[in-house]
Amino acid sequence: GTMAQSDVDKMTLVFQCDARDMYVRKAIYIVGNIAELGNWIPNKVRLYDDGTHGDSVAGDNIWTIEIEVPVGIEVEYKYTNSGPEGSWYPGEEFPALNRKVRIERNPSGKIVLFDRFGKI
C-alpha cells in the first residue's frame, strides 16, 4: 500500500495583511503560485477580518488566512483588494515583484507572515 503523506511534511502558513491605511470594500484577497492560493487567479482566495481563519481581532482591518503547505517549496504571492475574480485591479502597486517565502520546517509547525498592503 501507499503511505499517506504525514503532517510533519506540511506547515501551517498564516498570511496577515495590514490594510489599516486603506478602504476595503469587500475583502483583501491573496493570490499565488499554488492551488491553495488560486494558482495566480486573483480575487479567488479571500482573507478574513472576523476573528476566524487565524484572524486575531475581528474588525481591525488586518486580514488573515491560514493554509497548509508542504515543506520545501517556495510560495510566491500578492494581495488584491475587493476586485472581481480574475481581475488584478485593485491590487498592489509593484506588478513586477511577487512576495516570496520558502517553507522550512520549524518546531511550532507554523510560519506567520505579516505584510502591509502595497508595501514590500
PDB file of N, CA and C in Angstrom:
ATOM      1  N   GLY A   1       0.837  -1.210   0.000  1.00  0.00           N
ATOM      2  CA  GLY A   1       0.000   0.000   0.000  1.00  0.00           C
ATOM      3  C   GLY A   1       0.862   1.247   0.000  1.00  0.00           C
ATOM      4  N   THR A   2       0.240   2.355  -0.339  1.00  0.00           N
ATOM      5  CA  THR A   2       0.955   3.633  -0.333  1.00  0.00           C
ATOM      6  C   THR A   2       0.741   4.312   1.011  1.00  0.00           C
ATOM      7  N   MET A   3       1.761   4.972   1.463  1.00  0.00           N
ATOM      8  CA  MET A   3       1.649   5.685   2.729  1.00  0.00           C
ATOM      9  C   MET A   3       1.126   7.086   2.479  1.00  0.00           C
ATOM     10  N   ALA A   4       0.203   7.495   3.313  1.00  0.00           N
ATOM     11  CA  ALA A   4      -0.292   8.872   3.215  1.00  0.00           C
ATOM     12  C   ALA A   4       0.819   9.813   3.666  1.00  0.00           C
ATOM     13  N   GLN A   5       0.840  10.984   3.057  1.00  0.00           N
ATOM     14  CA  GLN A   5       1.830  11.976   3.471  1.00  0.00           C
ATOM     15  C   GLN A   5       1.509  12.404   4.904  1.00  0.00           C
ATOM     16  N   SER A   6       2.503  12.386   5.758  1.00  0.00           N
ATOM     17  CA  SER A   6       2.246  12.709   7.160  1.00  0.00           C
ATOM     18  C   SER A   6       2.241  14.217   7.364  1.00  0.00           C
ATOM     19  N   ASP A   7       1.650  14.622   8.485  1.00  0.00           N
ATOM     20  CA  ASP A   7       1.526  16.041   8.781  1.00  0.00           C
ATOM     21  C   ASP A   7       2.879  16.733   8.957  1.00  0.00           C
ATOM     22  N   VAL A   8       3.918  15.964   9.320  1.00  0.00           N
ATOM     23  CA  VAL A   8       5.215  16.609   9.541  1.00  0.00           C
ATOM     24  C   VAL A   8       5.788  17.174   8.244  1.00  0.00           C
ATOM     25  N   ASP A   9       5.293  16.733   7.118  1.00  0.00           N
ATOM     26  CA  ASP A   9       5.768  17.266   5.847  1.00  0.00           C
ATOM     27  C   ASP A   9       5.029  18.532   5.436  1.00  0.00           C
ATOM     28  N   LYS A  10       4.130  18.992   6.301  1.00  0.00           N
ATOM     29  CA  LYS A  10       3.373  20.205   5.988  1.00  0.00           C
ATOM     30  C   LYS A  10       3.555  21.222   7.099  1.00  0.00           C
ATOM     31  N   MET A  11       3.402  22.476   6.733  1.00  0.00           N
ATOM     32  CA  MET A  11       3.448  23.562   7.704  1.00  0.00           C
ATOM     33  C   MET A  11       2.169  24.374   7.555  1.00  0.00           C
ATOM     34  N   THR A  12       1.753  24.980   8.659  1.00  0.00           N
ATOM     35  CA  THR A  12       0.656  25.943   8.594  1.00  0.00           C
ATOM     36  C   THR A  12       1.267  27.295   8.246  1.00  0.00           C
ATOM     37  N   LEU A  13       0.775  27.880   7.170  1.00  0.00           N
ATOM     38  CA  LEU A  13       1.260  29.177   6.718  1.00  0.00           C
ATOM     39  C   LEU A  13       0.153  30.185   6.982  1.00  0.00           C
ATOM     40  N   VAL A  14       0.462  31.212   7.768  1.00  0.00           N
ATOM     41  CA  VAL A  14      -0.522  32.226   8.139  1.00  0.00           C
ATOM     42  C   VAL A  14      -0.136  33.527   7.450  1.00  0.00           C
ATOM     43  N   PHE A  15      -1.026  34.026   6.606  1.00  0.00           N
ATOM     44  CA  PHE A  15      -0.819  35.318   5.958  1.00  0.00           C
ATOM     45  C   PHE A  15      -1.638  36.356   6.704  1.00  0.00           C
ATOM     46  N   GLN A  16      -0.984  37.424   7.150  1.00  0.00           N
ATOM     47  CA  GLN A  16      -1.688  38.555   7.748  1.00  0.00           C
ATOM     48  C   GLN A  16      -1.366  39.772   6.903  1.00  0.00           C
ATOM     49  N   CYS A  17      -2.397  40.464   6.447  1.00  0.00           N
ATOM     50  CA  CYS A  17      -2.202  41.637   5.599  1.00  0.00           C
ATOM     51  C   CYS A  17      -2.818  42.849   6.278  1.00  0.00           C
ATOM     52  N   ASP A  18      -1.968  43.809   6.593  1.00  0.00           N
ATOM     53  CA  ASP A  18      -2.394  45.045   7.246  1.00  0.00           C
ATOM     54  C   ASP A  18      -2.918  46.005   6.180  1.00  0.00           C
ATOM     55  N   ALA A  19      -4.221  46.260   6.225  1.00  0.00           N
ATOM     56  CA  ALA A  19      -4.844  47.191   5.277  1.00  0.00           C
ATOM     57  C   ALA A  19      -5.440  48.379   6.023  1.00  0.00           C
ATOM     58  N   ARG A  20      -4.845  48.741   7.168  1.00  0.00           N
ATOM     59  CA  ARG A  20      -5.434  49.780   8.012  1.00  0.00           C
ATOM     60  C   ARG A  20      -5.412  51.159   7.385  1.00  0.00           C
ATOM     61  N   ASP A  21      -4.513  51.398   6.428  1.00  0.00           N
ATOM     62  CA  ASP A  21      -4.465  52.743   5.844  1.00  0.00           C
ATOM     63  C   ASP A  21      -5.215  52.809   4.518  1.00  0.00           C
ATOM     64  N   MET A  22      -6.168  51.895   4.308  1.00  0.00           N
ATOM     65  CA  MET A  22      -6.924  51.926   3.060  1.00  0.00           C
ATOM     66  C   MET A  22      -8.356  51.477   3.273  1.00  0.00           C
ATOM     67  N   TYR A  23      -9.196  51.771   2.294  1.00  0.00           N
ATOM     68  CA  TYR A  23     -10.593  51.359   2.340  1.00  0.00           C
ATOM     69  C   TYR A  23     -10.727  49.976   1.713  1.00  0.00           C
ATOM     70  N   VAL A  24     -11.336  49.060   2.431  1.00  0.00           N
ATOM     71  CA  VAL A  24     -11.572  47.706   1.930  1.00  0.00           C
ATOM     72  C   VAL A  24     -13.077  47.531   1.772  1.00  0.00           C
ATOM     73  N   ARG A  25     -13.534  47.520   0.522  1.00  0.00           N
ATOM     74  CA  ARG A  25     -14.971  47.453   0.261  1.00  0.00           C
ATOM     75  C   ARG A  25     -15.549  46.097   0.634  1.00  0.00           C
ATOM     76  N   LYS A  26     -14.859  45.027   0.223  1.00  0.00           N
ATOM     77  CA  LYS A  26     -15.386  43.679   0.433  1.00  0.00           C
ATOM     78  C   LYS A  26     -14.426  42.845   1.268  1.00  0.00           C
ATOM     79  N   ALA A  27     -13.225  42.637   0.769  1.00  0.00           N
ATOM     80  CA  ALA A  27     -12.231  41.834   1.483  1.00  0.00           C
ATOM     81  C   ALA A  27     -10.880  42.002   0.805  1.00  0.00           C
ATOM     82  N   ILE A  28      -9.824  41.711   1.564  1.00  0.00           N
ATOM     83  CA  ILE A  28      -8.494  41.554   0.974  1.00  0.00           C
ATOM     84  C   ILE A  28      -8.395  40.105   0.497  1.00  0.00           C
ATOM     85  N   TYR A  29      -7.822  39.935  -0.681  1.00  0.00           N
ATOM     86  CA  TYR A  29      -7.641  38.603  -1.266  1.00  0.00           C
ATOM     87  C   TYR A  29      -6.154  38.339  -1.440  1.00  0.00           C
ATOM     88  N   ILE A  30      -5.805  37.058  -1.505  1.00  0.00           N
ATOM     89  CA  ILE A  30      -4.426  36.661  -1.761  1.00  0.00           C
ATOM     90  C   ILE A  30      -4.406  35.766  -2.994  1.00  0.00           C
ATOM     91  N   VAL A  31      -3.328  35.863  -3.761  1.00  0.00           N
ATOM     92  CA  VAL A  31      -3.179  35.038  -4.956  1.00  0.00           C
ATOM     93  C   VAL A  31      -1.723  34.604  -5.034  1.00  0.00           C
ATOM     94  N   GLY A  32      -1.502  33.387  -5.525  1.00  0.00           N
ATOM     95  CA  GLY A  32      -0.123  32.920  -5.593  1.00  0.00           C
ATOM     96  C   GLY A  32       0.051  31.724  -6.494  1.00  0.00           C
ATOM     97  N   ASN A  33       1.237  31.115  -6.381  1.00  0.00           N
ATOM     98  CA  ASN A  33       1.672  30.101  -7.337  1.00  0.00           C
ATOM     99  C   ASN A  33       1.289  28.680  -6.934  1.00  0.00           C
ATOM    100  N   ILE A  34       0.423  28.515  -5.936  1.00  0.00           N
ATOM    101  CA  ILE A  34      -0.022  27.175  -5.536  1.00  0.00           C
ATOM    102  C   ILE A  34      -1.547  27.135  -5.532  1.00  0.00           C
ATOM    103  N   ALA A  35      -2.090  25.936  -5.590  1.00  0.00           N
ATOM    104  CA  ALA A  35      -3.547  25.775  -5.678  1.00  0.00           C
ATOM    105  C   ALA A  35      -4.262  26.439  -4.506  1.00  0.00           C
ATOM    106  N   GLU A  36      -3.670  26.340  -3.303  1.00  0.00           N
ATOM    107  CA  GLU A  36      -4.305  26.918  -2.118  1.00  0.00           C
ATOM    108  C   GLU A  36      -4.425  28.431  -2.211  1.00  0.00           C
ATOM    109  N   LEU A  37      -3.628  29.040  -3.099  1.00  0.00           N
ATOM    110  CA  LEU A  37      -3.676  30.490  -3.305  1.00  0.00           C
ATOM    111  C   LEU A  37      -4.228  30.828  -4.684  1.00  0.00           C
ATOM    112  N   GLY A  38      -4.957  29.899  -5.291  1.00  0.00           N
ATOM    113  CA  GLY A  38      -5.689  30.205  -6.518  1.00  0.00           C
ATOM    114  C   GLY A  38      -4.912  30.069  -7.808  1.00  0.00           C
ATOM    115  N   ASN A  39      -3.666  29.550  -7.755  1.00  0.00           N
ATOM    116  CA  ASN A  39      -2.874  29.377  -8.986  1.00  0.00           C
ATOM    117  C   ASN A  39      -2.856  30.631  -9.857  1.00  0.00           C
ATOM    118  N   TRP A  40      -2.586  31.767  -9.253  1.00  0.00           N
ATOM    119  CA  TRP A  40      -2.483  33.065  -9.943  1.00  0.00           C
ATOM    120  C   TRP A  40      -3.807  33.545 -10.539  1.00  0.00           C
ATOM    121  N   ILE A  41      -4.933  33.060 -10.047  1.00  0.00           N
ATOM    122  CA  ILE A  41      -6.220  33.665 -10.429  1.00  0.00           C
ATOM    123  C   ILE A  41      -6.612  34.604  -9.288  1.00  0.00           C
ATOM    124  N   PRO A  42      -6.523  35.925  -9.519  1.00  0.00           N
ATOM    125  CA  PRO A  42      -6.741  36.862  -8.417  1.00  0.00           C
ATOM    126  C   PRO A  42      -8.192  36.913  -7.947  1.00  0.00           C
ATOM    127  N   ASN A  43      -8.363  37.340  -6.697  1.00  0.00           N
ATOM    128  CA  ASN A  43      -9.676  37.521  -6.063  1.00  0.00           C
ATOM    129  C   ASN A  43     -10.481  36.235  -5.982  1.00  0.00           C
ATOM    130  N   LYS A  44      -9.772  35.117  -5.829  1.00  0.00           N
ATOM    131  CA  LYS A  44     -10.419  33.825  -5.663  1.00  0.00           C
ATOM    132  C   LYS A  44     -10.336  33.372  -4.203  1.00  0.00           C
ATOM    133  N   VAL A  45      -9.209  33.682  -3.543  1.00  0.00           N
ATOM    134  CA  VAL A  45      -8.976  33.242  -2.166  1.00  0.00           C
ATOM    135  C   VAL A  45      -9.000  34.469  -1.258  1.00  0.00           C
ATOM    136  N   ARG A  46     -10.025  34.545  -0.390  1.00  0.00           N
ATOM    137  CA  ARG A  46     -10.168  35.743   0.436  1.00  0.00           C
ATOM    138  C   ARG A  46      -9.526  35.560   1.799  1.00  0.00           C
ATOM    139  N   LEU A  47      -9.101  36.680   2.370  1.00  0.00           N
ATOM    140  CA  LEU A  47      -8.645  36.718   3.749  1.00  0.00           C
ATOM    141  C   LEU A  47      -9.820  37.142   4.619  1.00  0.00           C
ATOM    142  N   TYR A  48      -9.671  36.982   5.926  1.00  0.00           N
ATOM    143  CA  TYR A  48     -10.776  37.218   6.858  1.00  0.00           C
ATOM    144  C   TYR A  48     -10.372  38.226   7.922  1.00  0.00           C
ATOM    145  N   ASP A  49     -11.343  39.061   8.305  1.00  0.00           N
ATOM    146  CA  ASP A  49     -11.144  40.045   9.367  1.00  0.00           C
ATOM    147  C   ASP A  49     -12.288  39.928  10.372  1.00  0.00           C
ATOM    148  N   ASP A  50     -12.669  38.668  10.656  1.00  0.00           N
ATOM    149  CA  ASP A  50     -13.843  38.434  11.512  1.00  0.00           C
ATOM    150  C   ASP A  50     -13.519  37.520  12.691  1.00  0.00           C
ATOM    151  N   GLY A  51     -12.228  37.386  13.006  1.00  0.00           N
ATOM    152  CA  GLY A  51     -11.842  36.537  14.132  1.00  0.00           C
ATOM    153  C   GLY A  51     -11.792  35.053  13.808  1.00  0.00           C
ATOM    154  N   THR A  52     -11.964  34.677  12.515  1.00  0.00           N
ATOM    155  CA  THR A  52     -11.872  33.275  12.110  1.00  0.00           C
ATOM    156  C   THR A  52     -10.671  33.083  11.189  1.00  0.00           C
ATOM    157  N   HIS A  53     -10.401  31.835  10.802  1.00  0.00           N
ATOM    158  CA  HIS A  53      -9.340  31.507   9.836  1.00  0.00           C
ATOM    159  C   HIS A  53      -7.972  32.020  10.289  1.00  0.00           C
ATOM    160  N   GLY A  54      -7.747  32.060  11.617  1.00  0.00           N
ATOM    161  CA  GLY A  54      -6.470  32.532  12.138  1.00  0.00           C
ATOM    162  C   GLY A  54      -6.432  34.015  12.446  1.00  0.00           C
ATOM    163  N   ASP A  55      -7.503  34.747  12.112  1.00  0.00           N
ATOM    164  CA  ASP A  55      -7.554  36.186  12.377  1.00  0.00           C
ATOM    165  C   ASP A  55      -7.655  36.434  13.882  1.00  0.00           C
ATOM    166  N   SER A  56      -6.772  37.287  14.419  1.00  0.00           N
ATOM    167  CA  SER A  56      -6.733  37.516  15.870  1.00  0.00           C
ATOM    168  C   SER A  56      -7.865  38.405  16.361  1.00  0.00           C
ATOM    169  N   VAL A  57      -8.063  39.537  15.692  1.00  0.00           N
ATOM    170  CA  VAL A  57      -9.022  40.534  16.169  1.00  0.00           C
ATOM    171  C   VAL A  57      -9.986  40.877  15.044  1.00  0.00           C
ATOM    172  N   ALA A  58     -11.274  40.666  15.279  1.00  0.00           N
ATOM    173  CA  ALA A  58     -12.279  40.994  14.262  1.00  0.00           C
ATOM    174  C   ALA A  58     -12.353  42.507  14.084  1.00  0.00           C
ATOM    175  N   GLY A  59     -12.448  42.943  12.823  1.00  0.00           N
ATOM    176  CA  GLY A  59     -12.717  44.345  12.533  1.00  0.00           C
ATOM    177  C   GLY A  59     -11.541  45.294  12.676  1.00  0.00           C
ATOM    178  N   ASP A  60     -10.299  44.779  12.776  1.00  0.00           N
ATOM    179  CA  ASP A  60      -9.148  45.685  12.928  1.00  0.00           C
ATOM    180  C   ASP A  60      -8.472  46.008  11.595  1.00  0.00           C
ATOM    181  N   ASN A  61      -9.051  45.520  10.497  1.00  0.00           N
ATOM    182  CA  ASN A  61      -8.531  45.740   9.140  1.00  0.00           C
ATOM    183  C   ASN A  61      -7.154  45.106   8.935  1.00  0.00           C
ATOM    184  N   ILE A  62      -6.848  44.095   9.750  1.00  0.00           N
ATOM    185  CA  ILE A  62      -5.722  43.195   9.468  1.00  0.00           C
ATOM    186  C   ILE A  62      -6.352  41.872   9.055  1.00  0.00           C
ATOM    187  N   TRP A  63      -6.146  41.508   7.803  1.00  0.00           N
ATOM    188  CA  TRP A  63      -6.847  40.396   7.154  1.00  0.00           C
ATOM    189  C   TRP A  63      -5.963  39.162   7.168  1.00  0.00           C
ATOM    190  N   THR A  64      -6.557  37.999   7.446  1.00  0.00           N
ATOM    191  CA  THR A  64      -5.776  36.792   7.722  1.00  0.00           C
ATOM    192  C   THR A  64      -6.352  35.564   7.032  1.00  0.00           C
ATOM    193  N   ILE A  65      -5.471  34.654   6.640  1.00  0.00           N
ATOM    194  CA  ILE A  65      -5.881  33.309   6.226  1.00  0.00           C
ATOM    195  C   ILE A  65      -4.778  32.336   6.628  1.00  0.00           C
ATOM    196  N   GLU A  66      -5.180  31.121   6.972  1.00  0.00           N
ATOM    197  CA  GLU A  66      -4.237  30.034   7.266  1.00  0.00           C
ATOM    198  C   GLU A  66      -4.403  28.962   6.204  1.00  0.00           C
ATOM    199  N   ILE A  67      -3.288  28.479   5.672  1.00  0.00           N
ATOM    200  CA  ILE A  67      -3.334  27.357   4.735  1.00  0.00           C
ATOM    201  C   ILE A  67      -2.276  26.336   5.146  1.00  0.00           C
ATOM    202  N   GLU A  68      -2.415  25.120   4.648  1.00  0.00           N
ATOM    203  CA  GLU A  68      -1.414  24.072   4.861  1.00  0.00           C
ATOM    204  C   GLU A  68      -0.572  23.967   3.596  1.00  0.00           C
ATOM    205  N   VAL A  69       0.742  23.981   3.757  1.00  0.00           N
ATOM    206  CA  VAL A  69       1.629  23.882   2.596  1.00  0.00           C
ATOM    207  C   VAL A  69       2.734  22.871   2.868  1.00  0.00           C
ATOM    208  N   PRO A  70       3.221  22.204   1.814  1.00  0.00           N
ATOM    209  CA  PRO A  70       4.312  21.246   2.001  1.00  0.00           C
ATOM    210  C   PRO A  70       5.628  21.949   2.320  1.00  0.00           C
ATOM    211  N   VAL A  71       6.437  21.315   3.142  1.00  0.00           N
ATOM    212  CA  VAL A  71       7.774  21.814   3.449  1.00  0.00           C
ATOM    213  C   VAL A  71       8.631  21.749   2.185  1.00  0.00           C
ATOM    214  N   GLY A  72       9.504  22.746   2.000  1.00  0.00           N
ATOM    215  CA  GLY A  72      10.497  22.708   0.936  1.00  0.00           C
ATOM    216  C   GLY A  72      10.124  23.469  -0.317  1.00  0.00           C
ATOM    217  N   ILE A  73       8.883  23.944  -0.419  1.00  0.00           N
ATOM    218  CA  ILE A  73       8.511  24.690  -1.620  1.00  0.00           C
ATOM    219  C   ILE A  73       8.741  26.182  -1.406  1.00  0.00           C
ATOM    220  N   GLU A  74       8.772  26.932  -2.503  1.00  0.00           N
ATOM    221  CA  GLU A  74       8.791  28.384  -2.413  1.00  0.00           C
ATOM    222  C   GLU A  74       7.423  28.881  -2.858  1.00  0.00           C
ATOM    223  N   VAL A  75       6.817  29.693  -2.015  1.00  0.00           N
ATOM    224  CA  VAL A  75       5.499  30.247  -2.314  1.00  0.00           C
ATOM    225  C   VAL A  75       5.687  31.693  -2.756  1.00  0.00           C
ATOM    226  N   GLU A  76       5.105  32.027  -3.910  1.00  0.00           N
ATOM    227  CA  GLU A  76       5.073  33.410  -4.371  1.00  0.00           C
ATOM    228  C   GLU A  76       3.635  33.876  -4.274  1.00  0.00           C
ATOM    229  N   TYR A  77       3.447  35.150  -3.891  1.00  0.00           N
ATOM    230  CA  TYR A  77       2.076  35.613  -3.669  1.00  0.00           C
ATOM    231  C   TYR A  77       1.977  37.129  -3.756  1.00  0.00           C
ATOM    232  N   LYS A  78       0.735  37.593  -3.885  1.00  0.00           N
ATOM    233  CA  LYS A  78       0.395  39.016  -3.871  1.00  0.00           C
ATOM    234  C   LYS A  78      -0.981  39.164  -3.244  1.00  0.00           C
ATOM    235  N   TYR A  79      -1.315  40.396  -2.911  1.00  0.00           N
ATOM    236  CA  TYR A  79      -2.647  40.701  -2.381  1.00  0.00           C
ATOM    237  C   TYR A  79      -3.421  41.567  -3.366  1.00  0.00           C
ATOM    238  N   THR A  80      -4.739  41.414  -3.357  1.00  0.00           N
ATOM    239  CA  THR A  80      -5.627  42.314  -4.089  1.00  0.00           C
ATOM    240  C   THR A  80      -6.738  42.757  -3.142  1.00  0.00           C
ATOM    241  N   ASN A  81      -7.454  43.803  -3.550  1.00  0.00           N
ATOM    242  CA  ASN A  81      -8.457  44.413  -2.683  1.00  0.00           C
ATOM    243  C   ASN A  81      -9.819  44.440  -3.369  1.00  0.00           C
ATOM    244  N   SER A  82     -10.673  43.465  -3.039  1.00  0.00           N
ATOM    245  CA  SER A  82     -12.110  43.509  -3.344  1.00  0.00           C
ATOM    246  C   SER A  82     -12.493  43.467  -4.812  1.00  0.00           C
ATOM    247  N   GLY A  83     -11.572  43.169  -5.721  1.00  0.00           N
ATOM    248  CA  GLY A  83     -11.926  43.147  -7.136  1.00  0.00           C
ATOM    249  C   GLY A  83     -12.670  41.883  -7.521  1.00  0.00           C
ATOM    250  N   PRO A  84     -13.183  41.821  -8.761  1.00  0.00           N
ATOM    251  CA  PRO A  84     -13.839  40.603  -9.233  1.00  0.00           C
ATOM    252  C   PRO A  84     -12.818  39.502  -9.522  1.00  0.00           C
ATOM    253  N   GLU A  85     -13.254  38.248  -9.423  1.00  0.00           N
ATOM    254  CA  GLU A  85     -12.352  37.124  -9.677  1.00  0.00           C
ATOM    255  C   GLU A  85     -11.734  37.244 -11.060  1.00  0.00           C
ATOM    256  N   GLY A  86     -10.415  37.052 -11.140  1.00  0.00           N
ATOM    257  CA  GLY A  86      -9.704  37.134 -12.410  1.00  0.00           C
ATOM    258  C   GLY A  86      -9.147  38.513 -12.704  1.00  0.00           C
ATOM    259  N   SER A  87      -9.525  39.531 -11.909  1.00  0.00           N
ATOM    260  CA  SER A  87      -9.050  40.901 -12.141  1.00  0.00           C
ATOM    261  C   SER A  87      -7.948  41.262 -11.155  1.00  0.00           C
ATOM    262  N   TRP A  88      -6.867  41.866 -11.652  1.00  0.00           N
ATOM    263  CA  TRP A  88      -5.753  42.270 -10.785  1.00  0.00           C
ATOM    264  C   TRP A  88      -6.002  43.615 -10.137  1.00  0.00           C
ATOM    265  N   TYR A  89      -7.049  44.305 -10.557  1.00  0.00           N
ATOM    266  CA  TYR A  89      -7.297  45.646 -10.023  1.00  0.00           C
ATOM    267  C   TYR A  89      -8.462  45.595  -9.054  1.00  0.00           C
ATOM    268  N   PRO A  90      -8.445  46.276  -7.909  1.00  0.00           N
ATOM    269  CA  PRO A  90      -7.295  46.993  -7.370  1.00  0.00           C
ATOM    270  C   PRO A  90      -6.331  46.054  -6.661  1.00  0.00           C
ATOM    271  N   GLY A  91      -5.049  46.192  -7.013  1.00  0.00           N
ATOM    272  CA  GLY A  91      -4.041  45.322  -6.426  1.00  0.00           C
ATOM    273  C   GLY A  91      -2.895  46.129  -5.855  1.00  0.00           C
ATOM    274  N   GLU A  92      -1.804  45.449  -5.582  1.00  0.00           N
ATOM    275  CA  GLU A  92      -0.633  46.146  -5.064  1.00  0.00           C
ATOM    276  C   GLU A  92       0.108  46.797  -6.224  1.00  0.00           C
ATOM    277  N   GLU A  93       0.867  47.834  -5.923  1.00  0.00           N
ATOM    278  CA  GLU A  93       1.405  48.696  -6.981  1.00  0.00           C
ATOM    279  C   GLU A  93       2.808  48.322  -7.440  1.00  0.00           C
ATOM    280  N   PHE A  94       3.197  47.065  -7.274  1.00  0.00           N
ATOM    281  CA  PHE A  94       4.524  46.679  -7.778  1.00  0.00           C
ATOM    282  C   PHE A  94       4.361  45.438  -8.645  1.00  0.00           C
ATOM    283  N   PRO A  95       3.823  45.622  -9.867  1.00  0.00           N
ATOM    284  CA  PRO A  95       3.440  44.478 -10.697  1.00  0.00           C
ATOM    285  C   PRO A  95       4.572  43.520 -11.032  1.00  0.00           C
ATOM    286  N   ALA A  96       5.812  43.999 -11.090  1.00  0.00           N
ATOM    287  CA  ALA A  96       6.905  43.107 -11.495  1.00  0.00           C
ATOM    288  C   ALA A  96       7.401  42.229 -10.352  1.00  0.00           C
ATOM    289  N   LEU A  97       7.026  42.545  -9.133  1.00  0.00           N
ATOM    290  CA  LEU A  97       7.556  41.832  -7.972  1.00  0.00           C
ATOM    291  C   LEU A  97       6.489  40.979  -7.310  1.00  0.00           C
ATOM    292  N   ASN A  98       6.845  39.761  -6.983  1.00  0.00           N
ATOM    293  CA  ASN A  98       5.988  38.925  -6.149  1.00  0.00           C
ATOM    294  C   ASN A  98       6.604  38.843  -4.764  1.00  0.00           C
ATOM    295  N   ARG A  99       5.756  38.724  -3.758  1.00  0.00           N
ATOM    296  CA  ARG A  99       6.252  38.401  -2.425  1.00  0.00           C
ATOM    297  C   ARG A  99       6.640  36.926  -2.443  1.00  0.00           C
ATOM    298  N   LYS A 100       7.642  36.545  -1.649  1.00  0.00           N
ATOM    299  CA  LYS A 100       8.109  35.151  -1.665  1.00  0.00           C
ATOM    300  C   LYS A 100       8.388  34.668  -0.259  1.00  0.00           C
ATOM    301  N   VAL A 101       8.133  33.384  -0.038  1.00  0.00           N
ATOM    302  CA  VAL A 101       8.541  32.742   1.209  1.00  0.00           C
ATOM    303  C   VAL A 101       8.905  31.292   0.915  1.00  0.00           C
ATOM    304  N   ARG A 102      10.025  30.853   1.472  1.00  0.00           N
ATOM    305  CA  ARG A 102      10.408  29.440   1.362  1.00  0.00           C
ATOM    306  C   ARG A 102       9.908  28.725   2.605  1.00  0.00           C
ATOM    307  N   ILE A 103       9.252  27.587   2.395  1.00  0.00           N
ATOM    308  CA  ILE A 103       8.644  26.861   3.507  1.00  0.00           C
ATOM    309  C   ILE A 103       9.673  25.919   4.113  1.00  0.00           C
ATOM    310  N   GLU A 104      10.122  26.256   5.313  1.00  0.00           N
ATOM    311  CA  GLU A 104      11.081  25.419   6.029  1.00  0.00           C
ATOM    312  C   GLU A 104      10.478  24.998   7.358  1.00  0.00           C
ATOM    313  N   ARG A 105      10.787  23.784   7.752  1.00  0.00           N
ATOM    314  CA  ARG A 105      10.236  23.223   8.981  1.00  0.00           C
ATOM    315  C   ARG A 105      10.707  24.027  10.186  1.00  0.00           C
ATOM    316  N   ASN A 106       9.827  24.254  11.143  1.00  0.00           N
ATOM    317  CA  ASN A 106      10.246  24.816  12.424  1.00  0.00           C
ATOM    318  C   ASN A 106       9.443  24.144  13.529  1.00  0.00           C
ATOM    319  N   PRO A 107       9.897  24.245  14.793  1.00  0.00           N
ATOM    320  CA  PRO A 107       9.266  23.479  15.877  1.00  0.00           C
ATOM    321  C   PRO A 107       7.786  23.807  16.094  1.00  0.00           C
ATOM    322  N   SER A 108       7.381  25.028  15.797  1.00  0.00           N
ATOM    323  CA  SER A 108       5.986  25.413  16.044  1.00  0.00           C
ATOM    324  C   SER A 108       5.038  24.823  15.005  1.00  0.00           C
ATOM    325  N   GLY A 109       5.601  24.414  13.845  1.00  0.00           N
ATOM    326  CA  GLY A 109       4.746  23.914  12.774  1.00  0.00           C
ATOM    327  C   GLY A 109       4.008  25.013  12.044  1.00  0.00           C
ATOM    328  N   LYS A 110       4.389  26.268  12.310  1.00  0.00           N
ATOM    329  CA  LYS A 110       3.641  27.399  11.762  1.00  0.00           C
ATOM    330  C   LYS A 110       4.605  28.488  11.305  1.00  0.00           C
ATOM    331  N   ILE A 111       4.280  29.108  10.182  1.00  0.00           N
ATOM    332  CA  ILE A 111       5.010  30.280   9.701  1.00  0.00           C
ATOM    333  C   ILE A 111       3.993  31.407   9.603  1.00  0.00           C
ATOM    334  N   VAL A 112       4.273  32.528  10.252  1.00  0.00           N
ATOM    335  CA  VAL A 112       3.359  33.670  10.221  1.00  0.00           C
ATOM    336  C   VAL A 112       4.031  34.797   9.452  1.00  0.00           C
ATOM    337  N   LEU A 113       3.349  35.270   8.409  1.00  0.00           N
ATOM    338  CA  LEU A 113       3.857  36.375   7.600  1.00  0.00           C
ATOM    339  C   LEU A 113       2.988  37.594   7.859  1.00  0.00           C
ATOM    340  N   PHE A 114       3.614  38.716   8.124  1.00  0.00           N
ATOM    341  CA  PHE A 114       2.865  39.954   8.335  1.00  0.00           C
ATOM    342  C   PHE A 114       3.286  40.938   7.261  1.00  0.00           C
ATOM    343  N   ASP A 115       2.353  41.315   6.395  1.00  0.00           N
ATOM    344  CA  ASP A 115       2.632  42.224   5.290  1.00  0.00           C
ATOM    345  C   ASP A 115       1.742  43.451   5.400  1.00  0.00           C
ATOM    346  N   ARG A 116       2.223  44.567   4.872  1.00  0.00           N
ATOM    347  CA  ARG A 116       1.363  45.735   4.711  1.00  0.00           C
ATOM    348  C   ARG A 116       0.962  45.823   3.253  1.00  0.00           C
ATOM    349  N   PHE A 117      -0.326  45.995   3.001  1.00  0.00           N
ATOM    350  CA  PHE A 117      -0.819  46.041   1.625  1.00  0.00           C
ATOM    351  C   PHE A 117      -0.086  47.154   0.873  1.00  0.00           C
ATOM    352  N   GLY A 118       0.483  46.804  -0.283  1.00  0.00           N
ATOM    353  CA  GLY A 118       1.126  47.793  -1.136  1.00  0.00           C
ATOM    354  C   GLY A 118       2.531  48.182  -0.722  1.00  0.00           C
ATOM    355  N   LYS A 119       3.046  47.620   0.377  1.00  0.00           N
ATOM    356  CA  LYS A 119       4.408  47.931   0.830  1.00  0.00           C
ATOM    357  C   LYS A 119       5.210  46.635   0.828  1.00  0.00           C
ATOM    358  N   ILE A 120       6.402  46.698   0.255  1.00  0.00           N
ATOM    359  CA  ILE A 120       7.199  45.471   0.187  1.00  0.00           C
ATOM    360  C   ILE A 120       8.546  45.700   0.847  1.00  0.00           C
TER     361      ILE A 120
END
